[in-house]
Each structure stands twice: as structure tokens, then as C-alpha cells.
């Protein structure tokens, strides 16, 4: 479900693209000829192999880096972060 305050959008033109099973990009045109780029992420858990986690974050980094400077960027999701250094698996 997508909830958008109608006064923020000139029209509900939304383009979405799955970049991977864990990463989706949604582009929406905002009022005033602005564009919002939203990334919905579901990161791997601490127990996942390091190479898979690195690949996920590399893909996210690559996707965010190519967004034009004037676009509004939002990165949302579940990053399965561990806080501190005492996080046994």
C-alpha cells in the first residue's frame, strides 16, 4: 500500500523497478517539477555470508549513486543492524 499526501504530488506518476529480491526502487514525480526516488530495502541478517551482505550493500550504493543530484532520495527498509560489538550469531 502506498499512502501519499495529495498536495505533494502533481500527479501520481510512479515508476517502480525491482533491482533484486531485496531491493526495489520507486520513482515519483512531485509538485514543482521535483522527483522523489525511494529505495525499499530488506538487508540480510548477521548470519548471512559476508559476501552476500557486501553484494547487497554494493548494489544499494550503486543504485543511490546514479540518482540525479536534484532528486529527493529516501532509503527505507529493514537493515538488520547490530548495535555495538557484542552480537553473537
N, C-alpha and C. Protein backbone atom coordinates (compact mmCIF):
# COMPACT_ATOMS: atom_id res chain seq x y z
N UNK A 1 0.84 -1.16 0.00
CA UNK A 1 0.00 0.00 0.00
C UNK A 1 0.89 1.23 0.00
N UNK A 2 0.49 2.24 -0.74
CA UNK A 2 1.23 3.48 -0.82
C UNK A 2 0.33 4.63 -0.37
N UNK A 3 0.73 5.35 0.66
CA UNK A 3 -0.03 6.49 1.14
C UNK A 3 0.74 7.75 0.81
N UNK A 4 0.10 8.66 0.08
CA UNK A 4 0.76 9.89 -0.34
C UNK A 4 -0.19 11.06 -0.10
N UNK A 5 0.32 12.09 0.52
CA UNK A 5 -0.48 13.29 0.72
C UNK A 5 -0.70 13.94 -0.63
N UNK A 6 -1.94 14.08 -1.04
CA UNK A 6 -2.26 14.51 -2.40
C UNK A 6 -1.72 15.89 -2.74
N UNK A 7 -1.50 16.75 -1.76
CA UNK A 7 -0.99 18.08 -2.06
C UNK A 7 0.48 18.05 -2.44
N UNK A 8 1.18 16.93 -2.19
CA UNK A 8 2.59 16.85 -2.53
C UNK A 8 2.84 16.40 -3.96
N UNK A 9 1.85 15.79 -4.56
CA UNK A 9 2.04 15.25 -5.89
C UNK A 9 1.27 16.05 -6.93
N UNK A 10 1.94 16.34 -8.03
CA UNK A 10 1.23 17.00 -9.14
C UNK A 10 0.37 15.97 -9.86
N UNK A 11 0.86 14.77 -9.94
CA UNK A 11 0.10 13.64 -10.46
C UNK A 11 0.74 12.38 -9.91
N UNK A 12 -0.02 11.36 -9.77
CA UNK A 12 0.50 10.13 -9.20
C UNK A 12 1.17 9.31 -10.29
N UNK A 13 2.32 9.80 -10.74
CA UNK A 13 3.12 9.08 -11.72
C UNK A 13 4.22 8.39 -10.97
N UNK A 14 4.09 7.08 -10.86
CA UNK A 14 5.05 6.31 -10.09
C UNK A 14 5.61 5.21 -10.97
N UNK A 15 6.91 5.09 -10.97
CA UNK A 15 7.58 4.02 -11.69
C UNK A 15 8.35 3.20 -10.68
N UNK A 16 8.14 1.89 -10.70
CA UNK A 16 8.87 1.06 -9.75
C UNK A 16 9.67 0.01 -10.51
N UNK A 17 10.77 -0.39 -9.90
CA UNK A 17 11.68 -1.33 -10.54
C UNK A 17 12.33 -2.18 -9.46
N UNK A 18 12.25 -3.48 -9.61
CA UNK A 18 12.92 -4.38 -8.68
C UNK A 18 14.37 -4.52 -9.10
N UNK A 19 15.28 -4.11 -8.23
CA UNK A 19 16.70 -4.21 -8.51
C UNK A 19 17.27 -5.55 -8.08
N UNK A 20 16.59 -6.18 -7.13
CA UNK A 20 16.96 -7.52 -6.64
C UNK A 20 15.78 -7.98 -5.78
N UNK A 21 15.81 -9.24 -5.33
CA UNK A 21 14.72 -9.68 -4.44
C UNK A 21 14.66 -8.89 -3.13
N UNK A 22 15.73 -8.18 -2.78
CA UNK A 22 15.79 -7.44 -1.52
C UNK A 22 15.83 -5.93 -1.69
N UNK A 23 15.74 -5.45 -2.94
CA UNK A 23 15.89 -4.01 -3.19
C UNK A 23 14.98 -3.57 -4.32
N UNK A 24 14.13 -2.58 -4.02
CA UNK A 24 13.21 -2.04 -5.02
C UNK A 24 13.38 -0.53 -5.07
N UNK A 25 13.30 0.00 -6.28
CA UNK A 25 13.41 1.45 -6.49
C UNK A 25 12.06 1.95 -6.98
N UNK A 26 11.58 3.04 -6.39
CA UNK A 26 10.33 3.67 -6.79
C UNK A 26 10.61 5.13 -7.09
N UNK A 27 10.21 5.58 -8.27
CA UNK A 27 10.40 6.98 -8.67
C UNK A 27 9.04 7.63 -8.80
N UNK A 28 8.89 8.82 -8.22
CA UNK A 28 7.62 9.53 -8.26
C UNK A 28 7.85 11.00 -8.57
N UNK A 29 7.02 11.55 -9.44
CA UNK A 29 7.09 12.97 -9.77
C UNK A 29 6.35 13.77 -8.70
N UNK A 30 7.03 14.78 -8.17
CA UNK A 30 6.44 15.64 -7.15
C UNK A 30 6.04 16.98 -7.75
N UNK A 31 5.28 17.71 -6.99
CA UNK A 31 4.86 19.05 -7.41
C UNK A 31 6.09 19.94 -7.59
N UNK A 32 6.05 20.84 -8.54
CA UNK A 32 7.16 21.76 -8.75
C UNK A 32 8.29 21.15 -9.55
N UNK A 33 7.99 20.17 -10.34
CA UNK A 33 8.95 19.51 -11.21
C UNK A 33 10.10 18.85 -10.45
N UNK A 34 9.81 18.38 -9.23
CA UNK A 34 10.78 17.64 -8.44
C UNK A 34 10.48 16.15 -8.58
N UNK A 35 11.48 15.35 -8.31
CA UNK A 35 11.31 13.90 -8.37
C UNK A 35 11.82 13.28 -7.08
N UNK A 36 11.05 12.32 -6.56
CA UNK A 36 11.46 11.57 -5.38
C UNK A 36 11.86 10.17 -5.83
N UNK A 37 12.98 9.71 -5.30
CA UNK A 37 13.45 8.35 -5.57
C UNK A 37 13.47 7.63 -4.23
N UNK A 38 12.67 6.59 -4.11
CA UNK A 38 12.59 5.82 -2.87
C UNK A 38 13.19 4.45 -3.10
N UNK A 39 14.01 4.03 -2.16
CA UNK A 39 14.59 2.69 -2.19
C UNK A 39 14.03 1.92 -1.01
N UNK A 40 13.38 0.81 -1.28
CA UNK A 40 12.86 -0.06 -0.24
C UNK A 40 13.81 -1.24 -0.12
N UNK A 41 14.38 -1.42 1.07
CA UNK A 41 15.44 -2.40 1.26
C UNK A 41 15.08 -3.42 2.32
N UNK A 42 15.53 -4.64 2.10
CA UNK A 42 15.42 -5.69 3.10
C UNK A 42 16.77 -6.38 3.14
N UNK A 43 17.64 -5.93 4.04
CA UNK A 43 19.01 -6.43 4.12
C UNK A 43 19.06 -7.84 4.72
N UNK A 44 20.17 -8.50 4.47
CA UNK A 44 20.39 -9.83 5.02
C UNK A 44 20.71 -9.73 6.50
N UNK A 45 20.51 -10.82 7.20
CA UNK A 45 20.78 -10.84 8.64
C UNK A 45 22.28 -11.04 8.90
N UNK A 46 22.67 -10.88 10.16
CA UNK A 46 24.07 -11.06 10.54
C UNK A 46 24.58 -12.46 10.22
N UNK A 47 23.69 -13.45 10.21
CA UNK A 47 24.09 -14.83 9.97
C UNK A 47 24.39 -15.12 8.50
N UNK A 48 24.00 -14.23 7.61
CA UNK A 48 24.23 -14.43 6.17
C UNK A 48 25.72 -14.34 5.86
N UNK A 49 26.15 -15.03 4.79
CA UNK A 49 27.56 -14.93 4.40
C UNK A 49 27.96 -13.49 4.09
N UNK A 50 29.17 -13.12 4.50
CA UNK A 50 29.66 -11.74 4.33
C UNK A 50 29.61 -11.31 2.86
N UNK A 51 29.93 -12.21 1.95
CA UNK A 51 29.93 -11.87 0.52
C UNK A 51 28.53 -11.46 0.04
N UNK A 52 27.49 -12.16 0.52
CA UNK A 52 26.12 -11.80 0.14
C UNK A 52 25.74 -10.43 0.70
N UNK A 53 26.15 -10.16 1.94
CA UNK A 53 25.86 -8.85 2.54
C UNK A 53 26.59 -7.75 1.78
N UNK A 54 27.84 -7.99 1.45
CA UNK A 54 28.61 -7.00 0.68
C UNK A 54 27.96 -6.74 -0.67
N UNK A 55 27.49 -7.80 -1.35
CA UNK A 55 26.82 -7.64 -2.64
C UNK A 55 25.56 -6.80 -2.52
N UNK A 56 24.78 -7.02 -1.45
CA UNK A 56 23.57 -6.24 -1.23
C UNK A 56 23.90 -4.75 -1.08
N UNK A 57 24.86 -4.44 -0.21
CA UNK A 57 25.21 -3.04 0.03
C UNK A 57 25.90 -2.40 -1.17
N UNK A 58 26.65 -3.18 -1.94
CA UNK A 58 27.23 -2.65 -3.18
C UNK A 58 26.13 -2.29 -4.17
N UNK A 59 25.12 -3.14 -4.30
CA UNK A 59 24.02 -2.89 -5.22
C UNK A 59 23.23 -1.64 -4.79
N UNK A 60 22.99 -1.51 -3.48
CA UNK A 60 22.30 -0.33 -2.96
C UNK A 60 23.12 0.92 -3.21
N UNK A 61 24.41 0.87 -2.93
CA UNK A 61 25.29 2.01 -3.15
C UNK A 61 25.31 2.41 -4.62
N UNK A 62 25.43 1.45 -5.51
CA UNK A 62 25.43 1.74 -6.94
C UNK A 62 24.12 2.39 -7.39
N UNK A 63 23.00 1.91 -6.86
CA UNK A 63 21.69 2.45 -7.23
C UNK A 63 21.53 3.89 -6.75
N UNK A 64 21.96 4.18 -5.52
CA UNK A 64 21.81 5.53 -4.96
C UNK A 64 22.77 6.51 -5.66
N UNK A 65 23.96 6.07 -6.00
CA UNK A 65 24.95 6.96 -6.61
C UNK A 65 24.55 7.49 -7.98
N UNK A 66 23.71 6.77 -8.71
CA UNK A 66 23.33 7.23 -10.05
C UNK A 66 22.07 8.10 -10.06
N UNK A 67 21.49 8.32 -8.88
CA UNK A 67 20.31 9.20 -8.81
C UNK A 67 20.76 10.63 -9.06
N UNK A 68 20.09 11.34 -9.97
CA UNK A 68 20.48 12.73 -10.23
C UNK A 68 20.47 13.57 -8.95
N UNK A 69 21.40 14.51 -8.88
CA UNK A 69 21.61 15.33 -7.69
C UNK A 69 20.34 16.05 -7.23
N UNK A 70 19.52 16.51 -8.16
CA UNK A 70 18.33 17.30 -7.80
C UNK A 70 17.17 16.46 -7.29
N UNK A 71 17.23 15.15 -7.44
CA UNK A 71 16.16 14.28 -6.97
C UNK A 71 16.21 14.18 -5.44
N UNK A 72 15.06 14.00 -4.84
CA UNK A 72 14.97 13.74 -3.40
C UNK A 72 15.12 12.23 -3.21
N UNK A 73 16.04 11.82 -2.35
CA UNK A 73 16.33 10.40 -2.16
C UNK A 73 15.90 9.96 -0.76
N UNK A 74 15.16 8.84 -0.71
CA UNK A 74 14.72 8.25 0.55
C UNK A 74 15.11 6.78 0.53
N UNK A 75 15.86 6.35 1.53
CA UNK A 75 16.25 4.95 1.65
C UNK A 75 15.55 4.41 2.90
N UNK A 76 14.64 3.47 2.68
CA UNK A 76 13.80 2.95 3.75
C UNK A 76 13.93 1.43 3.80
N UNK A 77 13.76 0.86 4.96
CA UNK A 77 13.74 -0.59 4.99
C UNK A 77 14.22 -1.18 6.29
N UNK A 78 14.47 -2.46 6.22
CA UNK A 78 14.94 -3.25 7.35
C UNK A 78 16.39 -3.59 7.08
N UNK A 79 17.30 -2.95 7.79
CA UNK A 79 18.73 -3.15 7.54
C UNK A 79 19.35 -4.18 8.48
N UNK A 80 18.54 -4.77 9.37
CA UNK A 80 19.03 -5.82 10.27
C UNK A 80 20.34 -5.45 10.95
N UNK A 81 20.41 -4.25 11.42
CA UNK A 81 21.64 -3.74 12.01
C UNK A 81 21.87 -4.31 13.40
N UNK A 82 23.12 -4.49 13.72
CA UNK A 82 23.51 -4.85 15.07
C UNK A 82 24.16 -3.63 15.71
N UNK A 83 23.80 -3.33 16.93
CA UNK A 83 24.36 -2.18 17.60
C UNK A 83 25.42 -2.66 18.58
N UNK A 84 26.59 -2.03 18.52
CA UNK A 84 27.66 -2.43 19.39
C UNK A 84 28.46 -3.58 18.80
N UNK A 85 29.38 -4.11 19.58
CA UNK A 85 30.24 -5.18 19.07
C UNK A 85 29.91 -6.54 19.67
N UNK A 86 28.97 -6.61 20.59
CA UNK A 86 28.61 -7.87 21.23
C UNK A 86 27.33 -8.42 20.59
N UNK A 87 27.45 -8.97 19.40
CA UNK A 87 26.28 -9.51 18.72
C UNK A 87 26.58 -10.92 18.21
N UNK A 88 26.42 -11.87 19.13
CA UNK A 88 26.65 -13.26 18.78
C UNK A 88 25.57 -13.75 17.83
N UNK A 89 25.98 -14.64 16.94
CA UNK A 89 25.04 -15.19 15.96
C UNK A 89 24.57 -16.55 16.45
